[in-house]
Amino acid sequence: MCLSDEGLLLTWGSNTCGQLGTGNKTNSSTPTHTAGDIDRLVEIAAVHNSNISAASVVSGKVYMWGVCRGQNVLSPMETNFSSLDEVFACFASPPCTWKPLSLESDDSSGLVSCIAGRFNDPNTSDVAFVVEGKKIHVHKAILRMRCEYFNSMFQQGRWNEAEKDAIEIQQFSYGVYHSFLKYLYTDSVDSATTEETVELLHLSDSYCERQLKRACEKILWQSVSVENVTGLIAVADKYKAESLMDYCFKFAYQHMTQVALSGGFAELDGALAKQLTVKAAEMGIFKT
């Protein structure tokens, strides 16, 4: 199996149990497009000693096909699992893993879960942000420790907001600001649409949150396509997101003909379009 940059799954080889997911048990000597009727795939898995294949999509859903408790599942079937590991733990015989295990200590899990559990808690918070008319309850001490922007905001005598119990936010949407504040409590970013992630990237750039900015860039990698790559190049340029820019350029080089013919390329800023074209030429993309 292989997964393309655009989230397309190609399978080939032995198919005695339907492990190729093509809807039949016919072997294939050439790559065949599989799972075309489900959402964009972001991860695939298979192991040599089991006739099971699995994949996860951008929404988080997990699919499996092949041998399932003695039955042959010929096409991708949606499961209730949240990770590919669960597929092979529950249905492989014997149970196995599809990648090396990473064991982490959970010594700090009590403290981490305690802090995360106090996010948006009106009973213990000492300040609330009001976004689109809805309140998000937080704690000044945690925000000051986690974010230099808030550390400056809540220093007495520096900002008017330091003495307020409720602070109105108009620059960002409720969902994105909620995700940002939750990130300060959990150190993880909630799943979101491409547009929301771009807005969160904007926020992280405005608040000088470098770690969150890098996380947003990595999330956006998964959504890059021929249709939106030029738009994301413009986003990366606007917010100086270097890793996102590099990823988008590499993706564009691999699909240069389609990108050049897309409507987004015509709308790309002239300087960026020139930069993309020149680098593609330097790499020999246009050689005949």
Protein backbone atom coordinates (compact mmCIF):
# COMPACT_ATOMS: atom_id res chain seq x y z
CA MET A 1 0.00 0.00 0.00
CA CYS A 2 1.05 3.59 -0.51
CA LEU A 3 -0.56 6.93 0.32
CA SER A 4 -0.19 9.91 -2.02
CA ASP A 5 0.34 13.52 -0.96
CA GLU A 6 -3.31 14.15 -1.79
CA GLY A 7 -4.57 11.39 0.52
CA LEU A 8 -5.24 8.81 -2.21
CA LEU A 9 -4.64 5.13 -1.40
CA LEU A 10 -3.03 2.77 -3.92
CA THR A 11 -2.84 -0.99 -3.28
CA TRP A 12 -1.39 -3.96 -5.16
CA GLY A 13 -0.16 -7.51 -4.56
CA SER A 14 -1.84 -10.56 -3.05
CA ASN A 15 -5.55 -10.18 -2.35
CA THR A 16 -6.62 -13.62 -1.16
CA CYS A 17 -8.58 -12.18 1.77
CA GLY A 18 -9.62 -8.83 0.35
CA GLN A 19 -6.73 -7.03 2.04
CA LEU A 20 -6.33 -4.71 -0.96
CA GLY A 21 -9.78 -3.24 -0.31
CA THR A 22 -10.80 -3.32 -3.98
CA GLY A 23 -14.18 -4.99 -3.41
CA ASN A 24 -13.00 -8.40 -4.63
CA LYS A 25 -10.29 -11.01 -3.98
CA THR A 26 -8.44 -10.67 -7.28
CA ASN A 27 -4.68 -10.22 -7.04
CA SER A 28 -3.29 -7.04 -8.60
CA SER A 29 0.13 -6.57 -10.18
CA THR A 30 -0.34 -2.83 -10.66
CA PRO A 31 -1.32 -0.10 -8.18
CA THR A 32 -5.10 0.29 -7.92
CA HIS A 33 -6.93 3.29 -6.47
CA THR A 34 -8.75 2.08 -3.35
CA ALA A 35 -11.09 3.68 -0.80
CA GLY A 36 -12.12 6.44 -3.18
CA ASP A 37 -15.53 6.88 -1.55
CA ILE A 38 -14.30 7.87 1.92
CA ASP A 39 -12.72 11.04 3.29
CA ARG A 40 -9.11 12.10 2.66
CA LEU A 41 -6.73 9.51 4.18
CA VAL A 42 -3.90 10.67 6.44
CA GLU A 43 -2.41 7.37 7.68
CA ILE A 44 -2.35 3.73 6.54
CA ALA A 45 -1.17 0.52 8.18
CA ALA A 46 -0.53 -3.15 7.41
CA VAL A 47 1.71 -5.90 8.80
CA HIS A 48 3.40 -8.84 7.07
CA ASN A 49 1.88 -11.56 9.29
CA SER A 50 -1.75 -10.44 9.09
CA ASN A 51 -4.17 -10.06 6.18
CA ILE A 52 -5.62 -6.88 7.66
CA SER A 53 -5.28 -3.36 6.29
CA ALA A 54 -6.33 -0.16 8.04
CA ALA A 55 -6.45 3.57 7.45
CA SER A 56 -7.47 6.75 9.23
CA VAL A 57 -8.99 9.82 7.59
CA VAL A 58 -8.64 13.53 8.28
CA SER A 59 -11.80 13.56 10.43
CA GLY A 60 -10.27 10.96 12.77
CA LYS A 61 -12.41 8.00 11.66
CA VAL A 62 -10.65 4.62 11.35
CA TYR A 63 -11.40 2.06 8.60
CA MET A 64 -10.29 -1.56 8.20
CA TRP A 65 -10.59 -4.35 5.61
CA GLY A 66 -9.27 -7.86 5.01
CA VAL A 67 -9.70 -10.70 7.52
CA CYS A 68 -12.10 -9.76 10.31
CA ARG A 69 -12.83 -12.57 12.81
CA GLY A 70 -12.73 -15.19 10.08
CA GLN A 71 -14.74 -13.14 7.60
CA ASN A 72 -13.32 -11.42 4.51
CA VAL A 73 -14.13 -7.71 4.38
CA LEU A 74 -13.50 -6.72 0.76
CA SER A 75 -13.93 -2.94 1.04
CA PRO A 76 -12.97 -0.39 3.73
CA MET A 77 -15.36 -0.64 6.68
CA GLU A 78 -15.77 2.14 9.24
CA THR A 79 -14.96 1.12 12.83
CA ASN A 80 -15.53 2.60 16.28
CA PHE A 81 -11.79 2.77 16.91
CA SER A 82 -9.88 6.02 17.39
CA SER A 83 -6.45 4.72 16.32
CA LEU A 84 -4.90 2.21 13.94
CA ASP A 85 -3.25 0.45 16.88
CA GLU A 86 -6.65 -0.74 18.12
CA VAL A 87 -7.40 -2.46 14.81
CA PHE A 88 -4.40 -4.77 15.04
CA ALA A 89 -4.74 -5.26 18.80
CA CYS A 90 -8.34 -6.44 18.43
CA PHE A 91 -8.49 -8.20 15.05
CA ALA A 92 -5.00 -9.42 14.11
CA SER A 93 -4.30 -13.06 14.98
CA PRO A 94 -2.18 -13.09 16.99
CA PRO A 95 -2.60 -9.49 18.18
CA CYS A 96 0.29 -7.31 17.04
CA THR A 97 1.41 -3.75 16.44
CA TRP A 98 1.93 -2.14 13.04
CA LYS A 99 4.75 0.12 14.26
CA PRO A 100 7.22 0.12 17.19
CA LEU A 101 5.61 0.93 20.51
CA SER A 102 6.53 4.20 22.19
CA LEU A 103 6.27 3.87 25.96
CA GLU A 104 5.96 7.09 27.89
CA SER A 105 5.93 7.69 31.60
CA ASP A 106 2.67 9.02 33.00
CA ASP A 107 4.15 10.30 36.25
CA SER A 108 2.89 13.79 35.52
CA SER A 109 -0.52 12.75 34.23
CA GLY A 110 -2.21 13.68 37.51
CA LEU A 111 -0.99 17.27 37.39
CA VAL A 112 -1.59 17.61 33.65
CA SER A 113 -5.15 16.29 33.84
CA CYS A 114 -5.87 18.47 36.88
CA ILE A 115 -4.82 21.65 35.08
CA ALA A 116 -6.61 20.64 31.88
CA GLY A 117 -9.75 19.90 33.87
CA ARG A 118 -9.89 23.46 35.17
CA PHE A 119 -10.14 24.98 31.71
CA ASN A 120 -13.37 26.93 31.21
CA ASP A 121 -14.36 26.30 34.83
CA PRO A 122 -16.49 29.22 36.10
CA ASN A 123 -16.19 28.01 39.71
CA THR A 124 -12.42 28.51 39.95
CA SER A 125 -11.59 31.06 37.22
CA ASP A 126 -10.74 34.69 37.96
CA VAL A 127 -11.23 36.13 34.46
CA ALA A 128 -13.32 35.38 31.38
CA PHE A 129 -12.85 36.20 27.72
CA VAL A 130 -16.03 37.12 25.88
CA VAL A 131 -16.00 36.12 22.21
CA GLU A 132 -19.09 36.41 20.00
CA GLY A 133 -21.13 36.91 23.17
CA LYS A 134 -19.93 33.67 24.80
CA LYS A 135 -17.64 33.44 27.83
CA ILE A 136 -14.50 31.33 28.18
CA HIS A 137 -13.46 31.04 31.83
CA VAL A 138 -9.73 30.92 32.57
CA HIS A 139 -7.12 31.62 35.25
CA LYS A 140 -4.74 34.55 35.07
CA ALA A 141 -1.91 32.66 36.78
CA ILE A 142 -1.96 29.82 34.23
CA LEU A 143 -2.19 32.21 31.29
CA ARG A 144 0.70 34.33 32.60
CA MET A 145 2.91 31.26 33.00
CA ARG A 146 2.07 29.87 29.57
CA CYS A 147 1.94 32.98 27.38
CA GLU A 148 4.12 36.10 27.42
CA TYR A 149 1.30 38.09 25.82
CA PHE A 150 -0.96 37.39 28.79
CA ASN A 151 1.91 37.88 31.23
CA SER A 152 2.18 41.46 29.99
CA MET A 153 -1.60 41.92 29.88
CA PHE A 154 -2.19 40.97 33.50
CA GLN A 155 0.65 42.95 35.06
CA GLN A 156 -0.93 45.67 37.15
CA GLY A 157 -0.62 49.18 35.79
CA ARG A 158 0.39 48.15 32.26
CA TRP A 159 -2.88 47.25 30.50
CA ASN A 160 -6.46 48.26 31.30
CA GLU A 161 -7.42 44.57 31.01
CA ALA A 162 -5.39 43.73 34.13
CA GLU A 163 -8.23 44.82 36.43
CA LYS A 164 -11.15 43.48 34.40
CA ASP A 165 -13.16 40.35 35.19
CA ALA A 166 -14.34 40.00 31.58
CA ILE A 167 -12.33 40.88 28.46
CA GLU A 168 -13.99 41.15 25.07
CA ILE A 169 -12.20 39.73 22.02
CA GLN A 170 -13.29 40.87 18.57
CA GLN A 171 -10.32 39.97 16.35
CA PHE A 172 -10.84 36.19 16.38
CA SER A 173 -13.76 33.76 16.25
CA TYR A 174 -15.07 31.97 19.33
CA GLY A 175 -14.03 28.50 18.19
CA VAL A 176 -10.46 29.53 17.41
CA TYR A 177 -9.98 31.55 20.61
CA HIS A 178 -11.43 28.67 22.62
CA SER A 179 -8.92 26.30 20.97
CA PHE A 180 -6.08 28.71 21.73
CA LEU A 181 -6.93 29.06 25.42
CA LYS A 182 -7.51 25.31 25.73
CA TYR A 183 -4.08 24.73 24.18
CA LEU A 184 -2.51 26.77 27.00
CA TYR A 185 -4.05 24.29 29.47
CA THR A 186 -3.48 21.04 27.57
CA ASP A 187 -0.52 21.68 25.23
CA SER A 188 -2.51 20.04 22.42
CA VAL A 189 -4.46 21.48 19.49
CA ASP A 190 -8.05 20.42 18.82
CA SER A 191 -8.94 19.17 15.35
CA ALA A 192 -10.36 21.91 13.14
CA THR A 193 -11.07 22.87 9.55
CA THR A 194 -8.32 24.25 7.33
CA GLU A 195 -9.84 27.74 7.61
CA GLU A 196 -9.91 27.55 11.43
CA THR A 197 -6.33 26.29 11.54
CA VAL A 198 -5.23 29.21 9.35
CA GLU A 199 -6.97 31.58 11.76
CA LEU A 200 -5.24 29.86 14.69
CA LEU A 201 -1.94 30.29 12.86
CA HIS A 202 -2.75 34.01 12.55
CA LEU A 203 -3.49 34.16 16.28
CA SER A 204 -0.29 32.33 17.24
CA ASP A 205 1.70 34.70 15.04
CA SER A 206 0.00 37.74 16.59
CA TYR A 207 0.65 36.49 20.13
CA CYS A 208 4.21 35.29 19.33
CA GLU A 209 3.37 31.71 20.31
CA ARG A 210 6.07 29.89 18.35
CA GLN A 211 5.28 26.37 19.56
CA LEU A 212 1.61 26.72 18.67
CA LYS A 213 2.56 28.25 15.34
CA ARG A 214 4.71 25.22 14.49
CA ALA A 215 1.87 22.90 15.51
CA CYS A 216 -0.54 24.75 13.21
CA GLU A 217 1.91 24.48 10.32
CA LYS A 218 2.19 20.71 10.78
CA ILE A 219 -1.59 20.37 10.89
CA LEU A 220 -1.90 22.34 7.67
CA TRP A 221 0.57 19.98 5.96
CA GLN A 222 -2.14 17.31 6.04
CA SER A 223 -4.66 19.48 4.18
CA VAL A 224 -2.42 20.62 1.31
CA SER A 225 -3.92 19.83 -2.11
CA VAL A 226 -3.57 20.99 -5.71
CA GLU A 227 -6.61 23.22 -5.20
CA ASN A 228 -5.38 25.04 -2.06
CA VAL A 229 -1.58 24.87 -2.18
CA THR A 230 -1.18 28.35 -3.68
CA GLY A 231 -3.53 29.80 -1.08
CA LEU A 232 -1.51 28.17 1.69
CA ILE A 233 1.70 29.51 0.14
CA ALA A 234 0.19 32.99 0.48
CA VAL A 235 -0.76 32.23 4.10
CA ALA A 236 2.74 30.96 4.86
CA ASP A 237 4.25 34.10 3.35
CA LYS A 238 1.90 36.40 5.28
CA TYR A 239 2.66 34.84 8.66
CA LYS A 240 6.31 33.92 7.97
CA ALA A 241 5.53 30.23 8.43
CA GLU A 242 8.73 28.79 6.99
CA SER A 243 8.07 25.07 7.42
CA LEU A 244 4.62 25.41 5.86
CA MET A 245 6.13 27.36 2.97
CA ASP A 246 8.78 24.68 2.37
CA TYR A 247 6.18 21.90 2.48
CA CYS A 248 3.85 23.71 0.07
CA PHE A 249 6.67 24.44 -2.36
CA LYS A 250 7.76 20.79 -2.38
CA PHE A 251 4.17 19.68 -2.91
CA ALA A 252 3.75 22.17 -5.75
CA TYR A 253 6.93 20.92 -7.46
CA GLN A 254 5.56 17.37 -7.42
CA HIS A 255 2.28 18.51 -9.04
CA MET A 256 3.55 21.51 -11.00
CA THR A 257 1.42 21.06 -14.10
CA GLN A 258 -1.85 20.77 -12.17
CA VAL A 259 -0.90 23.64 -9.86
CA ALA A 260 0.07 25.93 -12.75
CA LEU A 261 -3.30 25.27 -14.41
CA SER A 262 -5.31 25.81 -11.23
CA GLY A 263 -7.30 28.96 -10.57
CA GLY A 264 -5.33 29.58 -7.40
CA PHE A 265 -2.07 29.96 -9.29
CA ALA A 266 -3.51 32.84 -11.33
CA GLU A 267 -4.48 34.60 -8.09
CA LEU A 268 -1.10 34.08 -6.42
CA ASP A 269 0.90 37.22 -5.66
CA GLY A 270 3.28 37.99 -8.52
CA ALA A 271 6.42 37.79 -6.39
CA LEU A 272 5.40 34.43 -4.92
CA ALA A 273 4.41 33.05 -8.33
CA LYS A 274 7.77 34.11 -9.71
CA GLN A 275 9.61 32.56 -6.75
CA LEU A 276 7.73 29.29 -7.20
CA THR A 277 8.34 29.21 -10.96
CA VAL A 278 12.04 30.07 -10.71
CA LYS A 279 12.70 27.41 -8.06
CA ALA A 280 10.79 24.85 -10.11
CA ALA A 281 12.94 25.71 -13.13
CA GLU A 282 16.12 25.40 -11.05
CA MET A 283 15.01 21.91 -10.04
CA GLY A 284 14.51 20.95 -13.68
CA ILE A 285 10.73 20.62 -13.47
CA PHE A 286 10.28 22.19 -16.92
CA LYS A 287 12.93 20.17 -18.75
CA THR A 288 11.78 18.53 -22.00
